[in-house]
Amino acid sequence: MEFEFTRMGLVYAHLIACCAAIGLILMSDIAMVRQLISGDPRERMDPHHLQELQNTVAMALAALWATGVAIVALDTSFKGWEYFANPKLQAKITVVCLLTLNGVLLHHRVLPLMMKAGSLLNLSFSQRSFAVFAGAVSGVSWFYAALLGVGRPLNWKYSLPQILAAYPALIAGSFVGLMLLLAWAQYRASGDQLAFEGTRFVGAH
């Protein structure tokens, strides 16, 4: 009984950390997409907001690791080392490790670029591609980890490659979709700028 309540508490904390991070990332991504579609795509992002978002997600990731390791240690103490042979657990560990490495890149490479440029459209193509790819990996990884966390039907039924098959496809799809959206936003911003310059020219004459 004590084991069950301890595990339930850890799983609950694990779930809260995951939900908090996903909620923040989703709200931030929706705001960015709305700005690219209907707002001024070159409007500078609030650097304070970017820093707060990064700090909160980093804390959520740390909590995810702490509670996740505790859950795995608790389960291993009762089920033995064969517990790690579960492909679903292997997949989740793989995704969370990639999420963590990607988070380090976001913190040390992408965030400084964004705080300096203020907008994705102000970055060079290579910098923009890197930032979008890192963002795609982050978003997909959080949702994929959450799916694996609740995916009890996946336990012992599928191999590791089968469970992770959709992961790179989702990252690629997200990356391509965001790059196309940015290309359209840049085209729209260029058109608005030309129209503005034309209005100024006509007004001057």
N, C-alpha and C. Protein backbone atom coordinates (compact mmCIF):
# COMPACT_ATOMS: atom_id res chain seq x y z
N MET A 1 0.83 -1.21 0.00
CA MET A 1 0.00 0.00 0.00
C MET A 1 0.86 1.26 0.00
N GLU A 2 1.92 1.25 0.82
CA GLU A 2 2.81 2.41 0.88
C GLU A 2 3.47 2.64 -0.47
N PHE A 3 3.86 1.54 -1.12
CA PHE A 3 4.47 1.63 -2.45
C PHE A 3 3.52 2.30 -3.44
N GLU A 4 2.26 1.91 -3.41
CA GLU A 4 1.29 2.43 -4.36
C GLU A 4 1.07 3.93 -4.17
N PHE A 5 0.97 4.36 -2.91
CA PHE A 5 0.76 5.79 -2.65
C PHE A 5 2.00 6.61 -2.99
N THR A 6 3.16 6.05 -2.71
CA THR A 6 4.41 6.75 -3.06
C THR A 6 4.52 6.92 -4.56
N ARG A 7 4.24 5.84 -5.27
CA ARG A 7 4.32 5.89 -6.73
C ARG A 7 3.27 6.84 -7.30
N MET A 8 2.08 6.83 -6.73
CA MET A 8 1.02 7.73 -7.21
C MET A 8 1.44 9.19 -7.03
N GLY A 9 2.05 9.51 -5.90
CA GLY A 9 2.51 10.87 -5.67
C GLY A 9 3.58 11.29 -6.66
N LEU A 10 4.50 10.38 -6.94
CA LEU A 10 5.57 10.68 -7.90
C LEU A 10 5.01 10.85 -9.32
N VAL A 11 4.09 9.98 -9.68
CA VAL A 11 3.48 10.07 -11.02
C VAL A 11 2.69 11.37 -11.15
N TYR A 12 2.01 11.76 -10.08
CA TYR A 12 1.25 13.01 -10.10
C TYR A 12 2.18 14.22 -10.30
N ALA A 13 3.27 14.26 -9.55
CA ALA A 13 4.24 15.35 -9.70
C ALA A 13 4.86 15.33 -11.10
N HIS A 14 5.13 14.13 -11.60
CA HIS A 14 5.67 13.95 -12.95
C HIS A 14 4.71 14.53 -13.99
N LEU A 15 3.43 14.23 -13.81
CA LEU A 15 2.40 14.70 -14.73
C LEU A 15 2.26 16.22 -14.69
N ILE A 16 2.29 16.79 -13.49
CA ILE A 16 2.15 18.24 -13.35
C ILE A 16 3.31 18.96 -14.05
N ALA A 17 4.53 18.45 -13.86
CA ALA A 17 5.70 19.07 -14.50
C ALA A 17 5.58 19.02 -16.01
N CYS A 18 5.14 17.89 -16.53
CA CYS A 18 4.99 17.74 -17.97
C CYS A 18 3.89 18.66 -18.51
N CYS A 19 2.77 18.71 -17.82
CA CYS A 19 1.64 19.55 -18.26
C CYS A 19 2.01 21.03 -18.22
N ALA A 20 2.74 21.44 -17.19
CA ALA A 20 3.14 22.84 -17.07
C ALA A 20 4.01 23.26 -18.26
N ALA A 21 4.98 22.42 -18.59
CA ALA A 21 5.87 22.74 -19.70
C ALA A 21 5.12 22.74 -21.03
N ILE A 22 4.29 21.73 -21.24
CA ILE A 22 3.54 21.64 -22.50
C ILE A 22 2.59 22.84 -22.65
N GLY A 23 1.94 23.21 -21.55
CA GLY A 23 1.03 24.35 -21.61
C GLY A 23 1.74 25.64 -21.99
N LEU A 24 2.88 25.90 -21.37
CA LEU A 24 3.64 27.11 -21.67
C LEU A 24 4.14 27.11 -23.11
N ILE A 25 4.68 25.97 -23.54
CA ILE A 25 5.20 25.88 -24.91
C ILE A 25 4.08 26.05 -25.93
N LEU A 26 2.95 25.41 -25.66
CA LEU A 26 1.82 25.50 -26.59
C LEU A 26 1.30 26.93 -26.70
N MET A 27 1.15 27.61 -25.57
CA MET A 27 0.67 28.99 -25.59
C MET A 27 1.65 29.90 -26.32
N SER A 28 2.95 29.68 -26.08
CA SER A 28 3.96 30.50 -26.74
C SER A 28 3.97 30.26 -28.25
N ASP A 29 3.85 28.99 -28.65
CA ASP A 29 3.84 28.66 -30.08
C ASP A 29 2.61 29.22 -30.78
N ILE A 30 1.46 29.12 -30.11
CA ILE A 30 0.22 29.66 -30.70
C ILE A 30 0.34 31.17 -30.88
N ALA A 31 0.89 31.85 -29.88
CA ALA A 31 1.07 33.30 -29.98
C ALA A 31 2.01 33.66 -31.13
N MET A 32 3.07 32.87 -31.29
CA MET A 32 4.02 33.14 -32.37
C MET A 32 3.38 32.93 -33.73
N VAL A 33 2.62 31.85 -33.88
CA VAL A 33 1.96 31.56 -35.16
C VAL A 33 0.92 32.63 -35.48
N ARG A 34 0.16 33.05 -34.48
CA ARG A 34 -0.85 34.10 -34.71
C ARG A 34 -0.18 35.40 -35.14
N GLN A 35 0.95 35.71 -34.55
CA GLN A 35 1.67 36.92 -34.93
C GLN A 35 2.17 36.83 -36.36
N LEU A 36 2.67 35.66 -36.74
CA LEU A 36 3.17 35.48 -38.10
C LEU A 36 2.04 35.55 -39.12
N ILE A 37 0.86 35.07 -38.74
CA ILE A 37 -0.26 35.02 -39.68
C ILE A 37 -0.98 36.36 -39.80
N SER A 38 -1.28 36.98 -38.66
CA SER A 38 -2.13 38.17 -38.71
C SER A 38 -1.51 39.43 -38.13
N GLY A 39 -0.41 39.30 -37.43
CA GLY A 39 0.21 40.48 -36.83
C GLY A 39 1.40 40.96 -37.63
N ASP A 40 2.25 41.73 -36.97
CA ASP A 40 3.49 42.19 -37.60
C ASP A 40 4.56 41.12 -37.37
N PRO A 41 4.93 40.37 -38.41
CA PRO A 41 5.87 39.27 -38.22
C PRO A 41 7.26 39.70 -37.78
N ARG A 42 7.56 41.00 -37.97
CA ARG A 42 8.88 41.49 -37.57
C ARG A 42 8.87 42.15 -36.19
N GLU A 43 7.72 42.13 -35.54
CA GLU A 43 7.64 42.72 -34.21
C GLU A 43 8.56 41.97 -33.25
N ARG A 44 9.30 42.70 -32.46
CA ARG A 44 10.28 42.09 -31.58
C ARG A 44 9.60 41.36 -30.42
N MET A 45 10.10 40.18 -30.12
CA MET A 45 9.60 39.43 -28.98
C MET A 45 10.14 40.03 -27.69
N ASP A 46 9.36 39.91 -26.65
CA ASP A 46 9.76 40.43 -25.35
C ASP A 46 10.88 39.54 -24.79
N PRO A 47 12.10 40.07 -24.64
CA PRO A 47 13.20 39.24 -24.14
C PRO A 47 12.96 38.72 -22.72
N HIS A 48 12.24 39.51 -21.92
CA HIS A 48 11.92 39.07 -20.56
C HIS A 48 11.01 37.84 -20.60
N HIS A 49 10.05 37.87 -21.53
CA HIS A 49 9.14 36.71 -21.68
C HIS A 49 9.92 35.48 -22.14
N LEU A 50 10.83 35.67 -23.08
CA LEU A 50 11.63 34.54 -23.57
C LEU A 50 12.45 33.92 -22.45
N GLN A 51 13.05 34.78 -21.62
CA GLN A 51 13.87 34.29 -20.53
C GLN A 51 13.03 33.57 -19.48
N GLU A 52 11.87 34.13 -19.17
CA GLU A 52 10.98 33.49 -18.20
C GLU A 52 10.48 32.14 -18.71
N LEU A 53 10.13 32.10 -19.99
CA LEU A 53 9.66 30.85 -20.59
C LEU A 53 10.75 29.79 -20.51
N GLN A 54 11.96 30.18 -20.86
CA GLN A 54 13.07 29.23 -20.84
C GLN A 54 13.35 28.73 -19.42
N ASN A 55 13.32 29.64 -18.45
CA ASN A 55 13.58 29.25 -17.06
C ASN A 55 12.50 28.30 -16.54
N THR A 56 11.25 28.60 -16.86
CA THR A 56 10.15 27.76 -16.37
C THR A 56 10.21 26.37 -16.99
N VAL A 57 10.46 26.31 -18.29
CA VAL A 57 10.56 25.01 -18.97
C VAL A 57 11.76 24.23 -18.44
N ALA A 58 12.85 24.92 -18.15
CA ALA A 58 14.03 24.25 -17.59
C ALA A 58 13.72 23.65 -16.22
N MET A 59 12.98 24.39 -15.40
CA MET A 59 12.60 23.86 -14.09
C MET A 59 11.65 22.67 -14.23
N ALA A 60 10.74 22.76 -15.19
CA ALA A 60 9.81 21.65 -15.43
C ALA A 60 10.57 20.41 -15.90
N LEU A 61 11.59 20.63 -16.75
CA LEU A 61 12.39 19.51 -17.23
C LEU A 61 13.18 18.88 -16.08
N ALA A 62 13.71 19.72 -15.20
CA ALA A 62 14.43 19.19 -14.03
C ALA A 62 13.50 18.38 -13.14
N ALA A 63 12.28 18.88 -12.95
CA ALA A 63 11.29 18.15 -12.15
C ALA A 63 10.90 16.85 -12.83
N LEU A 64 10.82 16.89 -14.16
CA LEU A 64 10.49 15.68 -14.93
C LEU A 64 11.57 14.61 -14.73
N TRP A 65 12.83 15.04 -14.78
CA TRP A 65 13.93 14.10 -14.57
C TRP A 65 13.91 13.54 -13.14
N ALA A 66 13.74 14.43 -12.17
CA ALA A 66 13.78 14.00 -10.77
C ALA A 66 12.68 12.99 -10.46
N THR A 67 11.46 13.32 -10.86
CA THR A 67 10.35 12.42 -10.59
C THR A 67 10.43 11.16 -11.45
N GLY A 68 10.90 11.32 -12.68
CA GLY A 68 11.02 10.16 -13.56
C GLY A 68 12.04 9.15 -13.05
N VAL A 69 13.18 9.66 -12.62
CA VAL A 69 14.22 8.78 -12.07
C VAL A 69 13.70 8.09 -10.80
N ALA A 70 12.97 8.83 -9.99
CA ALA A 70 12.42 8.24 -8.76
C ALA A 70 11.41 7.14 -9.08
N ILE A 71 10.57 7.37 -10.08
CA ILE A 71 9.58 6.35 -10.47
C ILE A 71 10.28 5.10 -11.00
N VAL A 72 11.27 5.31 -11.85
CA VAL A 72 12.00 4.17 -12.42
C VAL A 72 12.73 3.40 -11.33
N ALA A 73 13.35 4.13 -10.40
CA ALA A 73 14.07 3.46 -9.31
C ALA A 73 13.11 2.66 -8.44
N LEU A 74 11.95 3.23 -8.19
CA LEU A 74 10.95 2.55 -7.36
C LEU A 74 10.44 1.29 -8.06
N ASP A 75 10.14 1.41 -9.34
CA ASP A 75 9.65 0.25 -10.09
C ASP A 75 10.73 -0.82 -10.22
N THR A 76 11.97 -0.38 -10.42
CA THR A 76 13.07 -1.34 -10.56
C THR A 76 13.29 -2.12 -9.27
N SER A 77 13.09 -1.46 -8.14
CA SER A 77 13.29 -2.13 -6.85
C SER A 77 12.29 -3.27 -6.64
N PHE A 78 11.15 -3.19 -7.32
CA PHE A 78 10.13 -4.23 -7.18
C PHE A 78 10.14 -5.21 -8.35
N LYS A 79 10.49 -4.72 -9.55
CA LYS A 79 10.38 -5.57 -10.74
C LYS A 79 11.73 -6.10 -11.22
N GLY A 80 12.81 -5.54 -10.71
CA GLY A 80 14.13 -5.99 -11.14
C GLY A 80 14.59 -5.29 -12.41
N TRP A 81 15.80 -5.67 -12.85
CA TRP A 81 16.41 -4.99 -13.99
C TRP A 81 15.71 -5.29 -15.31
N GLU A 82 14.90 -6.35 -15.36
CA GLU A 82 14.18 -6.64 -16.60
C GLU A 82 13.16 -5.54 -16.93
N TYR A 83 12.88 -4.70 -15.95
CA TYR A 83 11.98 -3.56 -16.16
C TYR A 83 12.49 -2.67 -17.29
N PHE A 84 13.82 -2.57 -17.42
CA PHE A 84 14.41 -1.72 -18.46
C PHE A 84 14.31 -2.34 -19.86
N ALA A 85 13.88 -3.59 -19.93
CA ALA A 85 13.74 -4.24 -21.24
C ALA A 85 12.47 -3.81 -21.96
N ASN A 86 11.61 -3.07 -21.28
CA ASN A 86 10.37 -2.60 -21.89
C ASN A 86 10.69 -1.56 -22.97
N PRO A 87 10.38 -1.83 -24.23
CA PRO A 87 10.70 -0.87 -25.31
C PRO A 87 10.06 0.50 -25.11
N LYS A 88 8.88 0.53 -24.50
CA LYS A 88 8.24 1.83 -24.29
C LYS A 88 9.04 2.68 -23.32
N LEU A 89 9.56 2.07 -22.27
CA LEU A 89 10.40 2.80 -21.32
C LEU A 89 11.68 3.26 -22.00
N GLN A 90 12.27 2.41 -22.82
CA GLN A 90 13.47 2.79 -23.56
C GLN A 90 13.19 3.98 -24.48
N ALA A 91 12.02 3.96 -25.11
CA ALA A 91 11.65 5.05 -26.01
C ALA A 91 11.49 6.36 -25.24
N LYS A 92 10.86 6.27 -24.08
CA LYS A 92 10.65 7.49 -23.30
C LYS A 92 11.97 8.06 -22.80
N ILE A 93 12.87 7.20 -22.36
CA ILE A 93 14.18 7.66 -21.91
C ILE A 93 14.93 8.31 -23.07
N THR A 94 14.84 7.70 -24.25
CA THR A 94 15.50 8.25 -25.44
C THR A 94 14.98 9.64 -25.77
N VAL A 95 13.65 9.78 -25.77
CA VAL A 95 13.04 11.06 -26.11
C VAL A 95 13.40 12.13 -25.08
N VAL A 96 13.36 11.78 -23.80
CA VAL A 96 13.66 12.76 -22.75
C VAL A 96 15.14 13.16 -22.80
N CYS A 97 16.02 12.22 -23.13
CA CYS A 97 17.44 12.56 -23.27
C CYS A 97 17.64 13.54 -24.44
N LEU A 98 16.98 13.26 -25.56
CA LEU A 98 17.07 14.18 -26.71
C LEU A 98 16.46 15.53 -26.37
N LEU A 99 15.37 15.51 -25.62
CA LEU A 99 14.73 16.75 -25.19
C LEU A 99 15.67 17.57 -24.32
N THR A 100 16.40 16.91 -23.46
CA THR A 100 17.34 17.59 -22.57
C THR A 100 18.51 18.20 -23.35
N LEU A 101 19.09 17.41 -24.25
CA LEU A 101 20.19 17.93 -25.08
C LEU A 101 19.73 19.10 -25.93
N ASN A 102 18.53 18.97 -26.47
CA ASN A 102 17.98 20.06 -27.28
C ASN A 102 17.72 21.29 -26.42
N GLY A 103 17.31 21.07 -25.18
CA GLY A 103 17.09 22.19 -24.27
C GLY A 103 18.36 22.97 -23.99
N VAL A 104 19.48 22.24 -23.90
CA VAL A 104 20.77 22.90 -23.70
C VAL A 104 21.11 23.78 -24.91
N LEU A 105 20.85 23.24 -26.11
CA LEU A 105 21.09 24.02 -27.33
C LEU A 105 20.19 25.25 -27.38
N LEU A 106 18.93 25.07 -27.01
CA LEU A 106 18.01 26.20 -27.00
C LEU A 106 18.49 27.30 -26.05
N HIS A 107 18.95 26.88 -24.89
CA HIS A 107 19.37 27.85 -23.88
C HIS A 107 20.65 28.59 -24.27
N HIS A 108 21.60 27.85 -24.82
CA HIS A 108 22.91 28.44 -25.09
C HIS A 108 23.08 28.99 -26.50
N ARG A 109 22.24 28.55 -27.44
CA ARG A 109 22.39 29.00 -28.82
C ARG A 109 21.19 29.79 -29.32
N VAL A 110 20.01 29.21 -29.19
CA VAL A 110 18.82 29.82 -29.80
C VAL A 110 18.35 31.04 -29.01
N LEU A 111 18.27 30.91 -27.69
CA LEU A 111 17.77 32.02 -26.87
C LEU A 111 18.62 33.28 -27.04
N PRO A 112 19.95 33.20 -26.98
CA PRO A 112 20.75 34.42 -27.22
C PRO A 112 20.51 35.02 -28.60
N LEU A 113 20.36 34.17 -29.61
CA LEU A 113 20.08 34.67 -30.96
C LEU A 113 18.75 35.41 -31.01
N MET A 114 17.73 34.82 -30.39
CA MET A 114 16.40 35.43 -30.41
C MET A 114 16.36 36.72 -29.61
N MET A 115 17.06 36.76 -28.49
CA MET A 115 17.07 37.97 -27.68
C MET A 115 17.79 39.11 -28.40
N LYS A 116 18.76 38.76 -29.21
CA LYS A 116 19.49 39.77 -29.97
C LYS A 116 18.72 40.23 -31.20
N ALA A 117 18.14 39.26 -31.93
CA ALA A 117 17.44 39.59 -33.17
C ALA A 117 16.02 40.10 -32.92
N GLY A 118 15.36 39.54 -31.91
CA GLY A 118 14.01 39.98 -31.58
C GLY A 118 12.92 39.28 -32.35
N SER A 119 13.25 38.71 -33.51
CA SER A 119 12.26 38.02 -34.34
C SER A 119 12.97 36.98 -35.18
N LEU A 120 12.27 35.90 -35.48
CA LEU A 120 12.85 34.87 -36.34
C LEU A 120 13.19 35.42 -37.71
N LEU A 121 12.40 36.37 -38.19
CA LEU A 121 12.63 36.92 -39.53
C LEU A 121 13.87 37.79 -39.59
N ASN A 122 14.37 38.20 -38.45
CA ASN A 122 15.59 39.02 -38.43
C ASN A 122 16.86 38.17 -38.38
N LEU A 123 16.69 36.86 -38.29
CA LEU A 123 17.84 35.96 -38.30
C LEU A 123 18.23 35.62 -39.73
N SER A 124 19.48 35.21 -39.91
CA SER A 124 19.89 34.71 -41.22
C SER A 124 19.18 33.38 -41.48
N PHE A 125 19.21 32.93 -42.73
CA PHE A 125 18.49 31.70 -43.07
C PHE A 125 19.01 30.51 -42.27
N SER A 126 20.33 30.41 -42.13
CA SER A 126 20.90 29.28 -41.39
C SER A 126 20.54 29.36 -39.91
N GLN A 127 20.60 30.56 -39.34
CA GLN A 127 20.23 30.73 -37.93
C GLN A 127 18.75 30.44 -37.73
N ARG A 128 17.93 30.91 -38.65
CA ARG A 128 16.49 30.68 -38.56
C ARG A 128 16.17 29.19 -38.66
N SER A 129 16.84 28.52 -39.58
CA SER A 129 16.60 27.08 -39.75
C SER A 129 16.99 26.32 -38.48
N PHE A 130 18.11 26.71 -37.90
CA PHE A 130 18.56 26.05 -36.66
C PHE A 130 17.57 26.29 -35.53
N ALA A 131 17.11 27.54 -35.40
CA ALA A 131 16.16 27.87 -34.34
C ALA A 131 14.84 27.14 -34.53
N VAL A 132 14.36 27.08 -35.76
CA VAL A 132 13.09 26.40 -36.04
C VAL A 132 13.22 24.90 -35.79
N PHE A 133 14.35 24.32 -36.20
CA PHE A 133 14.55 22.89 -35.99
C PHE A 133 14.60 22.56 -34.49
N ALA A 134 15.33 23.38 -33.74
CA ALA A 134 15.40 23.16 -32.29
C ALA A 134 14.03 23.32 -31.65
N GLY A 135 13.26 24.29 -32.12
CA GLY A 135 11.91 24.48 -31.60
C GLY A 135 11.00 23.31 -31.95
N ALA A 136 11.16 22.78 -33.17
CA ALA A 136 10.35 21.63 -33.58
C ALA A 136 10.69 20.40 -32.74
N VAL A 137 11.97 20.19 -32.50
CA VAL A 137 12.39 19.06 -31.67
C VAL A 137 11.83 19.20 -30.26
N SER A 138 11.87 20.42 -29.73
CA SER A 138 11.38 20.66 -28.38
C SER A 138 9.88 20.37 -28.27
N GLY A 139 9.11 20.98 -29.16
CA GLY A 139 7.66 20.81 -29.10
C GLY A 139 7.23 19.36 -29.29
N VAL A 140 7.77 18.72 -30.32
CA VAL A 140 7.41 17.33 -30.61
C VAL A 140 7.85 16.42 -29.46
N SER A 141 9.02 16.67 -28.92
CA SER A 141 9.55 15.81 -27.86
C SER A 141 8.69 15.87 -26.60
N TRP A 142 8.25 17.06 -26.23
CA TRP A 142 7.40 17.18 -25.04
C TRP A 142 6.09 16.41 -25.23
N PHE A 143 5.47 16.59 -26.38
CA PHE A 143 4.20 15.90 -26.62
C PHE A 143 4.41 14.38 -26.77
N TYR A 144 5.50 13.99 -27.38
CA TYR A 144 5.77 12.57 -27.56
C TYR A 144 6.06 11.90 -26.22
N ALA A 145 6.82 12.60 -25.38
CA ALA A 145 7.11 12.07 -24.05
C ALA A 145 5.82 11.92 -23.24
N ALA A 146 4.93 12.91 -23.38
CA ALA A 146 3.65 12.82 -22.67
C ALA A 146 2.82 11.64 -23.17
N LEU A 147 2.84 11.43 -24.49
CA LEU A 147 2.11 10.30 -25.07
C LEU A 147 2.66 8.97 -24.54
N LEU A 148 3.98 8.87 -24.49
CA LEU A 148 4.59 7.64 -23.99
C LEU A 148 4.31 7.45 -22.50
N GLY A 149 4.17 8.57 -21.80
CA GLY A 149 3.89 8.48 -20.37
C GLY A 149 2.53 7.89 -20.06
N VAL A 150 1.57 8.14 -20.94
CA VAL A 150 0.21 7.62 -20.70
C VAL A 150 -0.09 6.40 -21.57
N GLY A 151 0.87 6.01 -22.40
CA GLY A 151 0.63 4.94 -23.37
C GLY A 151 0.81 3.54 -22.81
N ARG A 152 0.01 3.18 -21.84
CA ARG A 152 0.09 1.84 -21.27
C ARG A 152 -0.09 0.72 -22.30
N PRO A 153 -0.97 0.90 -23.30
CA PRO A 153 -1.14 -0.16 -24.30
C PRO A 153 0.13 -0.47 -25.10
N LEU A 154 1.12 0.44 -25.04
CA LEU A 154 2.36 0.22 -25.78
C LEU A 154 3.33 -0.69 -25.03
N ASN A 155 3.07 -0.94 -23.76
CA ASN A 155 3.99 -1.75 -22.95
C ASN A 155 4.17 -3.15 -23.52
N TRP A 156 5.42 -3.47 -23.86
CA TRP A 156 5.83 -4.81 -24.28
C TRP A 156 5.18 -5.29 -25.58
N LYS A 157 4.43 -4.45 -26.26
CA LYS A 157 3.72 -4.90 -27.46
C LYS A 157 4.42 -4.51 -28.75
N TYR A 158 5.25 -3.47 -28.70
CA TYR A 158 5.90 -2.98 -29.90
C TYR A 158 7.39 -2.82 -29.64
N SER A 159 8.17 -2.90 -30.71
CA SER A 159 9.62 -2.73 -30.59
C SER A 159 9.96 -1.25 -30.47
N LEU A 160 11.19 -0.97 -30.07
CA LEU A 160 11.64 0.42 -29.94
C LEU A 160 11.54 1.18 -31.27
N PRO A 161 12.00 0.61 -32.39
CA PRO A 161 11.85 1.33 -33.67
C PRO A 161 10.40 1.61 -34.03
N GLN A 162 9.52 0.68 -33.72
CA GLN A 162 8.10 0.89 -34.02
C GLN A 162 7.52 2.04 -33.19
N ILE A 163 7.88 2.08 -31.92
CA ILE A 163 7.34 3.12 -31.04
C ILE A 163 7.86 4.50 -31.44
N LEU A 164 9.11 4.55 -31.89
CA LEU A 164 9.72 5.83 -32.25
C LEU A 164 9.56 6.19 -33.72
N ALA A 165 8.86 5.37 -34.48
CA ALA A 165 8.76 5.58 -35.93
C ALA A 165 8.18 6.95 -36.28
N ALA A 166 7.17 7.37 -35.54
CA ALA A 166 6.51 8.64 -35.86
C ALA A 166 7.30 9.86 -35.37
N TYR A 167 8.24 9.65 -34.47
CA TYR A 167 8.96 10.76 -33.84
C TYR A 167 9.73 11.62 -34.85
N PRO A 168 10.63 11.04 -35.66
CA PRO A 168 11.33 11.88 -36.64
C PRO A 168 10.40 12.45 -37.70
N ALA A 169 9.35 11.70 -38.04
CA ALA A 169 8.41 12.20 -39.04
C ALA A 169 7.69 13.45 -38.54
N LEU A 170 7.30 13.44 -37.28
CA LEU A 170 6.63 14.60 -36.69
C LEU A 170 7.57 15.81 -36.61
N ILE A 171 8.83 15.55 -36.26
CA ILE A 171 9.81 16.64 -36.21
C ILE A 171 10.01 17.24 -37.60
N ALA A 172 10.16 16.37 -38.60
CA ALA A 172 10.35 16.84 -39.97
C ALA A 172 9.14 17.63 -40.44
N GLY A 173 7.95 17.12 -40.16
CA GLY A 173 6.73 17.81 -40.57
C GLY A 173 6.59 19.16 -39.90
N SER A 174 6.91 19.22 -38.61
CA SER A 174 6.83 20.49 -37.88
C SER A 174 7.84 21.49 -38.44
N PHE A 175 9.05 21.01 -38.72
CA PHE A 175 10.09 21.89 -39.25
C PHE A 175 9.69 22.47 -40.60
N VAL A 176 9.24 21.60 -41.49
CA VAL A 176 8.85 22.06 -42.83
C VAL A 176 7.67 23.03 -42.75
N GLY A 177 6.69 22.70 -41.92
CA GLY A 177 5.53 23.56 -41.78
C GLY A 177 5.89 24.94 -41.26
N LEU A 178 6.76 24.99 -40.25
CA LEU A 178 7.17 26.28 -39.69
C LEU A 178 8.01 27.08 -40.67
N MET A 179 8.88 26.41 -41.41
CA MET A 179 9.70 27.12 -42.39
C MET A 179 8.83 27.70 -43.51
N LEU A 180 7.81 26.96 -43.93
CA LEU A 180 6.89 27.49 -44.94
C LEU A 180 6.11 28.68 -44.40
N LEU A 181 5.69 28.59 -43.15
CA LEU A 181 4.97 29.70 -42.53
C LEU A 181 5.85 30.93 -42.43
N LEU A 182 7.11 30.73 -42.07
CA LEU A 182 8.04 31.85 -41.97
C LEU A 182 8.32 32.46 -43.34
N ALA A 183 8.41 31.61 -44.36
CA ALA A 183 8.63 32.12 -45.72
C ALA A 183 7.45 32.98 -46.16
N TRP A 184 6.24 32.52 -45.84
CA TRP A 184 5.06 33.30 -46.18
C TRP A 184 5.01 34.61 -45.40
N ALA A 185 5.36 34.55 -44.11
CA ALA A 185 5.35 35.75 -43.28
C ALA A 185 6.38 36.76 -43.78
N GLN A 186 7.53 36.26 -44.21
CA GLN A 186 8.56 37.16 -44.75
C GLN A 186 8.09 37.80 -46.05
N TYR A 187 7.43 37.01 -46.88
CA TYR A 187 6.88 37.55 -48.13
C TYR A 187 5.83 38.62 -47.84
N ARG A 188 4.96 38.34 -46.85
CA ARG A 188 3.92 39.31 -46.48
C ARG A 188 4.54 40.58 -45.92
N ALA A 189 5.57 40.41 -45.08
CA ALA A 189 6.23 41.58 -44.50
C ALA A 189 6.92 42.41 -45.57
N SER A 190 7.51 41.75 -46.56
CA SER A 190 8.17 42.47 -47.66
C SER A 190 7.14 43.23 -48.48
N GLY A 191 5.98 42.61 -48.70
CA GLY A 191 4.92 43.28 -49.45
C GLY A 191 4.39 44.49 -48.71
N ASP A 192 4.21 44.35 -47.40
CA ASP A 192 3.74 45.49 -46.60
C ASP A 192 4.76 46.62 -46.62
N GLN A 193 6.04 46.26 -46.58
CA GLN A 193 7.09 47.29 -46.59
C GLN A 193 7.11 48.03 -47.92
N LEU A 194 6.94 47.28 -49.03
CA LEU A 194 6.92 47.91 -50.34
C LEU A 194 5.71 48.83 -50.48
N ALA A 195 4.57 48.37 -49.96
CA ALA A 195 3.36 49.20 -50.02
C ALA A 195 3.54 50.47 -49.21
N PHE A 196 4.19 50.34 -48.05
CA PHE A 196 4.44 51.51 -47.20
C PHE A 196 5.37 52.50 -47.89
N GLU A 197 6.42 51.96 -48.52
CA GLU A 197 7.37 52.83 -49.22
C GLU A 197 6.68 53.51 -50.40
N GLY A 198 5.79 52.77 -51.09
CA GLY A 198 5.06 53.36 -52.21
C GLY A 198 4.16 54.48 -51.76
N THR A 199 3.51 54.31 -50.62
CA THR A 199 2.64 55.35 -50.08
C THR A 199 3.44 56.60 -49.73
N ARG A 200 4.61 56.39 -49.13
CA ARG A 200 5.46 57.53 -48.78
C ARG A 200 5.91 58.26 -50.04
N PHE A 201 6.24 57.49 -51.09
CA PHE A 201 6.72 58.10 -52.33
C PHE A 201 5.62 58.95 -52.97
N VAL A 202 4.40 58.39 -53.02
CA VAL A 202 3.28 59.13 -53.61
C VAL A 202 2.96 60.37 -52.78
N GLY A 203 3.02 60.21 -51.46
CA GLY A 203 2.71 61.35 -50.59
C GLY A 203 3.73 62.46 -50.73
N ALA A 204 4.96 62.08 -51.02
CA ALA A 204 6.02 63.10 -51.15
C ALA A 204 5.86 63.91 -52.43
N HIS A 205 5.13 63.34 -53.39
CA HIS A 205 4.95 64.06 -54.66
C HIS A 205 3.53 64.60 -54.78
